[in-house]
């Protein structure tokens, strides 16, 4: 189950693989498949670990209609 509040709060930062798995509720293999198919590409690598842009993750979820963008008032 996707943690909508956490992804909304992570839009302006880099998200590590472990944190992204927790946020999305995906398995490690599912995330690996998304990387391989270039649907969700890591932004950077640091010390051998992959990091994703929070904004890229948000856009990916919106594009797949897994996230509904609601105006914040």
PDB file of N, CA and C in Angstrom:
ATOM      1  N   UNK A   1       0.835  -1.177   0.000  1.00  0.00           N
ATOM      2  CA  UNK A   1       0.000   0.000   0.000  1.00  0.00           C
ATOM      3  C   UNK A   1       0.886   1.248   0.000  1.00  0.00           C
ATOM      4  N   UNK A   2       0.579   2.172  -0.866  1.00  0.00           N
ATOM      5  CA  UNK A   2       1.383   3.378  -1.005  1.00  0.00           C
ATOM      6  C   UNK A   2       1.103   4.328   0.161  1.00  0.00           C
ATOM      7  N   UNK A   3       2.169   4.852   0.745  1.00  0.00           N
ATOM      8  CA  UNK A   3       2.063   5.813   1.826  1.00  0.00           C
ATOM      9  C   UNK A   3       2.006   7.211   1.204  1.00  0.00           C
ATOM     10  N   UNK A   4       0.799   7.709   0.946  1.00  0.00           N
ATOM     11  CA  UNK A   4       0.605   8.973   0.230  1.00  0.00           C
ATOM     12  C   UNK A   4       1.181  10.166   0.978  1.00  0.00           C
ATOM     13  N   UNK A   5       1.020  10.188   2.279  1.00  0.00           N
ATOM     14  CA  UNK A   5       1.525  11.310   3.071  1.00  0.00           C
ATOM     15  C   UNK A   5       3.048  11.382   2.991  1.00  0.00           C
ATOM     16  N   UNK A   6       3.674  10.232   3.060  1.00  0.00           N
ATOM     17  CA  UNK A   6       5.135  10.193   3.043  1.00  0.00           C
ATOM     18  C   UNK A   6       5.693  10.582   1.671  1.00  0.00           C
ATOM     19  N   UNK A   7       5.052  10.158   0.601  1.00  0.00           N
ATOM     20  CA  UNK A   7       5.537  10.526  -0.731  1.00  0.00           C
ATOM     21  C   UNK A   7       5.326  12.017  -0.965  1.00  0.00           C
ATOM     22  N   UNK A   8       4.238  12.565  -0.458  1.00  0.00           N
ATOM     23  CA  UNK A   8       3.984  13.997  -0.596  1.00  0.00           C
ATOM     24  C   UNK A   8       5.062  14.801   0.134  1.00  0.00           C
ATOM     25  N   UNK A   9       5.483  14.324   1.294  1.00  0.00           N
ATOM     26  CA  UNK A   9       6.516  15.011   2.070  1.00  0.00           C
ATOM     27  C   UNK A   9       7.916  14.793   1.509  1.00  0.00           C
ATOM     28  N   UNK A  10       8.088  13.826   0.626  1.00  0.00           N
ATOM     29  CA  UNK A  10       9.407  13.488   0.081  1.00  0.00           C
ATOM     30  C   UNK A  10       9.647  14.071  -1.306  1.00  0.00           C
ATOM     31  N   UNK A  11       8.761  14.900  -1.784  1.00  0.00           N
ATOM     32  CA  UNK A  11       8.873  15.411  -3.157  1.00  0.00           C
ATOM     33  C   UNK A  11      10.140  16.213  -3.395  1.00  0.00           C
ATOM     34  N   UNK A  12      10.656  16.898  -2.395  1.00  0.00           N
ATOM     35  CA  UNK A  12      11.806  17.784  -2.569  1.00  0.00           C
ATOM     36  C   UNK A  12      13.102  17.205  -2.034  1.00  0.00           C
ATOM     37  N   UNK A  13      13.207  15.882  -1.987  1.00  0.00           N
ATOM     38  CA  UNK A  13      14.447  15.291  -1.489  1.00  0.00           C
ATOM     39  C   UNK A  13      14.766  14.016  -2.246  1.00  0.00           C
ATOM     40  N   UNK A  14      15.943  13.478  -1.981  1.00  0.00           N
ATOM     41  CA  UNK A  14      16.331  12.200  -2.563  1.00  0.00           C
ATOM     42  C   UNK A  14      15.863  11.077  -1.657  1.00  0.00           C
ATOM     43  N   UNK A  15      15.411   9.997  -2.260  1.00  0.00           N
ATOM     44  CA  UNK A  15      14.879   8.862  -1.511  1.00  0.00           C
ATOM     45  C   UNK A  15      15.741   7.641  -1.805  1.00  0.00           C
ATOM     46  N   UNK A  16      16.221   7.000  -0.771  1.00  0.00           N
ATOM     47  CA  UNK A  16      17.001   5.783  -0.929  1.00  0.00           C
ATOM     48  C   UNK A  16      16.114   4.606  -1.293  1.00  0.00           C
ATOM     49  N   UNK A  17      16.741   3.546  -1.775  1.00  0.00           N
ATOM     50  CA  UNK A  17      16.007   2.360  -2.218  1.00  0.00           C
ATOM     51  C   UNK A  17      15.161   1.770  -1.097  1.00  0.00           C
ATOM     52  N   UNK A  18      15.750   1.622   0.072  1.00  0.00           N
ATOM     53  CA  UNK A  18      15.033   1.022   1.197  1.00  0.00           C
ATOM     54  C   UNK A  18      13.807   1.862   1.583  1.00  0.00           C
ATOM     55  N   UNK A  19      13.979   3.168   1.642  1.00  0.00           N
ATOM     56  CA  UNK A  19      12.868   4.060   1.980  1.00  0.00           C
ATOM     57  C   UNK A  19      11.797   4.034   0.897  1.00  0.00           C
ATOM     58  N   UNK A  20      12.219   3.975  -0.366  1.00  0.00           N
ATOM     59  CA  UNK A  20      11.262   3.943  -1.469  1.00  0.00           C
ATOM     60  C   UNK A  20      10.423   2.672  -1.433  1.00  0.00           C
ATOM     61  N   UNK A  21      11.047   1.554  -1.100  1.00  0.00           N
ATOM     62  CA  UNK A  21      10.318   0.292  -0.971  1.00  0.00           C
ATOM     63  C   UNK A  21       9.260   0.400   0.125  1.00  0.00           C
ATOM     64  N   UNK A  22       9.621   1.052   1.240  1.00  0.00           N
ATOM     65  CA  UNK A  22       8.670   1.241   2.341  1.00  0.00           C
ATOM     66  C   UNK A  22       7.528   2.162   1.934  1.00  0.00           C
ATOM     67  N   UNK A  23       7.843   3.232   1.220  1.00  0.00           N
ATOM     68  CA  UNK A  23       6.822   4.202   0.804  1.00  0.00           C
ATOM     69  C   UNK A  23       5.844   3.577  -0.191  1.00  0.00           C
ATOM     70  N   UNK A  24       6.375   2.884  -1.196  1.00  0.00           N
ATOM     71  CA  UNK A  24       5.535   2.341  -2.266  1.00  0.00           C
ATOM     72  C   UNK A  24       4.872   1.022  -1.909  1.00  0.00           C
ATOM     73  N   UNK A  25       5.478   0.295  -0.990  1.00  0.00           N
ATOM     74  CA  UNK A  25       4.948  -1.022  -0.659  1.00  0.00           C
ATOM     75  C   UNK A  25       5.272  -2.042  -1.732  1.00  0.00           C
ATOM     76  N   UNK A  26       6.258  -1.742  -2.579  1.00  0.00           N
ATOM     77  CA  UNK A  26       6.698  -2.653  -3.624  1.00  0.00           C
ATOM     78  C   UNK A  26       7.760  -3.581  -3.055  1.00  0.00           C
ATOM     79  N   UNK A  27       7.983  -4.681  -3.722  1.00  0.00           N
ATOM     80  CA  UNK A  27       9.097  -5.560  -3.358  1.00  0.00           C
ATOM     81  C   UNK A  27      10.374  -5.004  -3.989  1.00  0.00           C
ATOM     82  N   UNK A  28      11.497  -5.477  -3.503  1.00  0.00           N
ATOM     83  CA  UNK A  28      12.782  -5.066  -4.060  1.00  0.00           C
ATOM     84  C   UNK A  28      12.870  -5.469  -5.534  1.00  0.00           C
ATOM     85  N   UNK A  29      12.337  -6.627  -5.869  1.00  0.00           N
ATOM     86  CA  UNK A  29      12.360  -7.111  -7.250  1.00  0.00           C
ATOM     87  C   UNK A  29      11.501  -6.227  -8.151  1.00  0.00           C
ATOM     88  N   UNK A  30      10.354  -5.773  -7.654  1.00  0.00           N
ATOM     89  CA  UNK A  30       9.501  -4.884  -8.458  1.00  0.00           C
ATOM     90  C   UNK A  30      10.225  -3.583  -8.770  1.00  0.00           C
ATOM     91  N   UNK A  31      10.928  -3.047  -7.793  1.00  0.00           N
ATOM     92  CA  UNK A  31      11.693  -1.821  -7.995  1.00  0.00           C
ATOM     93  C   UNK A  31      12.823  -2.075  -8.997  1.00  0.00           C
ATOM     94  N   UNK A  32      13.471  -3.234  -8.901  1.00  0.00           N
ATOM     95  CA  UNK A  32      14.511  -3.602  -9.844  1.00  0.00           C
ATOM     96  C   UNK A  32      13.949  -3.656 -11.265  1.00  0.00           C
ATOM     97  N   UNK A  33      12.759  -4.210 -11.431  1.00  0.00           N
ATOM     98  CA  UNK A  33      12.128  -4.293 -12.757  1.00  0.00           C
ATOM     99  C   UNK A  33      11.808  -2.902 -13.315  1.00  0.00           C
ATOM    100  N   UNK A  34      11.355  -1.994 -12.446  1.00  0.00           N
ATOM    101  CA  UNK A  34      11.078  -0.622 -12.880  1.00  0.00           C
ATOM    102  C   UNK A  34      12.361   0.059 -13.341  1.00  0.00           C
ATOM    103  N   UNK A  35      13.468  -0.196 -12.640  1.00  0.00           N
ATOM    104  CA  UNK A  35      14.766   0.352 -13.055  1.00  0.00           C
ATOM    105  C   UNK A  35      15.177  -0.206 -14.406  1.00  0.00           C
ATOM    106  N   UNK A  36      15.046  -1.505 -14.557  1.00  0.00           N
ATOM    107  CA  UNK A  36      15.484  -2.173 -15.782  1.00  0.00           C
ATOM    108  C   UNK A  36      14.673  -1.711 -16.991  1.00  0.00           C
ATOM    109  N   UNK A  37      13.384  -1.482 -16.797  1.00  0.00           N
ATOM    110  CA  UNK A  37      12.525  -1.034 -17.895  1.00  0.00           C
ATOM    111  C   UNK A  37      12.582   0.480 -18.101  1.00  0.00           C
ATOM    112  N   UNK A  38      13.378   1.154 -17.273  1.00  0.00           N
ATOM    113  CA  UNK A  38      13.573   2.618 -17.354  1.00  0.00           C
ATOM    114  C   UNK A  38      12.312   3.410 -17.028  1.00  0.00           C
ATOM    115  N   UNK A  39      11.366   2.797 -16.312  1.00  0.00           N
ATOM    116  CA  UNK A  39      10.149   3.511 -15.913  1.00  0.00           C
ATOM    117  C   UNK A  39      10.424   4.422 -14.717  1.00  0.00           C
ATOM    118  N   UNK A  40      11.312   3.982 -13.842  1.00  0.00           N
ATOM    119  CA  UNK A  40      11.673   4.773 -12.667  1.00  0.00           C
ATOM    120  C   UNK A  40      13.184   4.685 -12.526  1.00  0.00           C
ATOM    121  N   UNK A  41      13.877   5.726 -12.960  1.00  0.00           N
ATOM    122  CA  UNK A  41      15.326   5.712 -13.035  1.00  0.00           C
ATOM    123  C   UNK A  41      15.931   6.409 -11.815  1.00  0.00           C
ATOM    124  N   UNK A  42      16.936   5.790 -11.183  1.00  0.00           N
ATOM    125  CA  UNK A  42      17.600   6.443 -10.060  1.00  0.00           C
ATOM    126  C   UNK A  42      18.239   7.756 -10.509  1.00  0.00           C
ATOM    127  N   UNK A  43      18.170   8.759  -9.654  1.00  0.00           N
ATOM    128  CA  UNK A  43      18.729  10.064  -9.961  1.00  0.00           C
ATOM    129  C   UNK A  43      20.238  10.065  -9.807  1.00  0.00           C
ATOM    130  N   UNK A  44      20.725   9.409  -8.767  1.00  0.00           N
ATOM    131  CA  UNK A  44      22.150   9.424  -8.479  1.00  0.00           C
ATOM    132  C   UNK A  44      22.551   8.170  -7.708  1.00  0.00           C
ATOM    133  N   UNK A  45      23.828   7.946  -7.673  1.00  0.00           N
ATOM    134  CA  UNK A  45      24.396   6.855  -6.888  1.00  0.00           C
ATOM    135  C   UNK A  45      25.426   7.471  -5.955  1.00  0.00           C
ATOM    136  N   UNK A  46      25.389   7.055  -4.698  1.00  0.00           N
ATOM    137  CA  UNK A  46      26.357   7.560  -3.730  1.00  0.00           C
ATOM    138  C   UNK A  46      26.768   6.403  -2.835  1.00  0.00           C
ATOM    139  N   UNK A  47      28.071   6.173  -2.736  1.00  0.00           N
ATOM    140  CA  UNK A  47      28.607   5.041  -1.971  1.00  0.00           C
ATOM    141  C   UNK A  47      27.978   3.717  -2.391  1.00  0.00           C
ATOM    142  N   UNK A  48      27.713   3.568  -3.673  1.00  0.00           N
ATOM    143  CA  UNK A  48      27.160   2.328  -4.196  1.00  0.00           C
ATOM    144  C   UNK A  48      25.674   2.132  -3.967  1.00  0.00           C
ATOM    145  N   UNK A  49      25.000   3.150  -3.440  1.00  0.00           N
ATOM    146  CA  UNK A  49      23.562   3.058  -3.180  1.00  0.00           C
ATOM    147  C   UNK A  49      22.805   3.954  -4.156  1.00  0.00           C
ATOM    148  N   UNK A  50      21.630   3.493  -4.574  1.00  0.00           N
ATOM    149  CA  UNK A  50      20.805   4.245  -5.515  1.00  0.00           C
ATOM    150  C   UNK A  50      19.878   5.193  -4.775  1.00  0.00           C
ATOM    151  N   UNK A  51      19.707   6.376  -5.341  1.00  0.00           N
ATOM    152  CA  UNK A  51      18.789   7.371  -4.789  1.00  0.00           C
ATOM    153  C   UNK A  51      17.896   7.895  -5.905  1.00  0.00           C
ATOM    154  N   UNK A  52      16.638   8.117  -5.553  1.00  0.00           N
ATOM    155  CA  UNK A  52      15.623   8.568  -6.504  1.00  0.00           C
ATOM    156  C   UNK A  52      15.146   9.953  -6.113  1.00  0.00           C
ATOM    157  N   UNK A  53      14.825  10.748  -7.109  1.00  0.00           N
ATOM    158  CA  UNK A  53      14.250  12.056  -6.859  1.00  0.00           C
ATOM    159  C   UNK A  53      12.812  11.882  -6.387  1.00  0.00           C
ATOM    160  N   UNK A  54      12.458  12.535  -5.294  1.00  0.00           N
ATOM    161  CA  UNK A  54      11.090  12.471  -4.792  1.00  0.00           C
ATOM    162  C   UNK A  54      10.091  12.969  -5.817  1.00  0.00           C
ATOM    163  N   UNK A  55      10.488  13.981  -6.577  1.00  0.00           N
ATOM    164  CA  UNK A  55       9.605  14.531  -7.610  1.00  0.00           C
ATOM    165  C   UNK A  55       9.398  13.518  -8.738  1.00  0.00           C
ATOM    166  N   UNK A  56      10.469  12.799  -9.118  1.00  0.00           N
ATOM    167  CA  UNK A  56      10.340  11.766 -10.155  1.00  0.00           C
ATOM    168  C   UNK A  56       9.402  10.651  -9.703  1.00  0.00           C
ATOM    169  N   UNK A  57       9.506  10.262  -8.451  1.00  0.00           N
ATOM    170  CA  UNK A  57       8.642   9.212  -7.908  1.00  0.00           C
ATOM    171  C   UNK A  57       7.192   9.691  -7.912  1.00  0.00           C
ATOM    172  N   UNK A  58       6.983  10.939  -7.497  1.00  0.00           N
ATOM    173  CA  UNK A  58       5.644  11.526  -7.473  1.00  0.00           C
ATOM    174  C   UNK A  58       5.045  11.548  -8.885  1.00  0.00           C
ATOM    175  N   UNK A  59       5.847  11.968  -9.872  1.00  0.00           N
ATOM    176  CA  UNK A  59       5.381  12.018 -11.264  1.00  0.00           C
ATOM    177  C   UNK A  59       5.088  10.612 -11.799  1.00  0.00           C
ATOM    178  N   UNK A  60       5.916   9.644 -11.441  1.00  0.00           N
ATOM    179  CA  UNK A  60       5.705   8.259 -11.852  1.00  0.00           C
ATOM    180  C   UNK A  60       4.361   7.749 -11.337  1.00  0.00           C
ATOM    181  N   UNK A  61       4.076   8.011 -10.068  1.00  0.00           N
ATOM    182  CA  UNK A  61       2.815   7.564  -9.472  1.00  0.00           C
ATOM    183  C   UNK A  61       1.624   8.276 -10.092  1.00  0.00           C
ATOM    184  N   UNK A  62       1.785   9.563 -10.372  1.00  0.00           N
ATOM    185  CA  UNK A  62       0.701  10.325 -11.001  1.00  0.00           C
ATOM    186  C   UNK A  62       0.427   9.812 -12.414  1.00  0.00           C
ATOM    187  N   UNK A  63       1.493   9.532 -13.159  1.00  0.00           N
ATOM    188  CA  UNK A  63       1.352   9.054 -14.531  1.00  0.00           C
ATOM    189  C   UNK A  63       0.655   7.702 -14.572  1.00  0.00           C
ATOM    190  N   UNK A  64       0.925   6.871 -13.608  1.00  0.00           N
ATOM    191  CA  UNK A  64       0.297   5.543 -13.547  1.00  0.00           C
ATOM    192  C   UNK A  64      -1.060   5.582 -12.855  1.00  0.00           C
ATOM    193  N   UNK A  65      -1.494   6.761 -12.495  1.00  0.00           N
ATOM    194  CA  UNK A  65      -2.781   6.978 -11.829  1.00  0.00           C
ATOM    195  C   UNK A  65      -2.883   6.250 -10.493  1.00  0.00           C
ATOM    196  N   UNK A  66      -1.746   6.121  -9.823  1.00  0.00           N
ATOM    197  CA  UNK A  66      -1.719   5.544  -8.482  1.00  0.00           C
ATOM    198  C   UNK A  66      -1.794   6.626  -7.422  1.00  0.00           C
ATOM    199  N   UNK A  67      -1.720   7.861  -7.881  1.00  0.00           N
ATOM    200  CA  UNK A  67      -1.725   9.008  -6.982  1.00  0.00           C
ATOM    201  C   UNK A  67      -2.566  10.097  -7.609  1.00  0.00           C
ATOM    202  N   UNK A  68      -3.453  10.635  -6.848  1.00  0.00           N
ATOM    203  CA  UNK A  68      -4.289  11.722  -7.342  1.00  0.00           C
ATOM    204  C   UNK A  68      -3.775  13.012  -6.749  1.00  0.00           C
ATOM    205  N   UNK A  69      -3.360  13.937  -7.608  1.00  0.00           N
ATOM    206  CA  UNK A  69      -2.829  15.215  -7.161  1.00  0.00           C
ATOM    207  C   UNK A  69      -3.980  16.111  -6.734  1.00  0.00           C
ATOM    208  N   UNK A  70      -4.015  16.426  -5.453  1.00  0.00           N
ATOM    209  CA  UNK A  70      -5.071  17.267  -4.896  1.00  0.00           C
ATOM    210  C   UNK A  70      -4.465  18.614  -4.547  1.00  0.00           C
ATOM    211  N   UNK A  71      -5.146  19.691  -4.937  1.00  0.00           N
ATOM    212  CA  UNK A  71      -4.653  21.034  -4.609  1.00  0.00           C
ATOM    213  C   UNK A  71      -4.605  21.210  -3.112  1.00  0.00           C
ATOM    214  N   UNK A  72      -3.469  21.765  -2.642  1.00  0.00           N
ATOM    215  CA  UNK A  72      -3.328  22.038  -1.214  1.00  0.00           C
ATOM    216  C   UNK A  72      -3.783  23.451  -0.935  1.00  0.00           C
ATOM    217  N   UNK A  73      -4.708  23.629  -0.044  1.00  0.00           N
ATOM    218  CA  UNK A  73      -5.212  24.960   0.326  1.00  0.00           C
ATOM    219  C   UNK A  73      -4.925  25.221   1.779  1.00  0.00           C
TER     220      UNK A  73
END
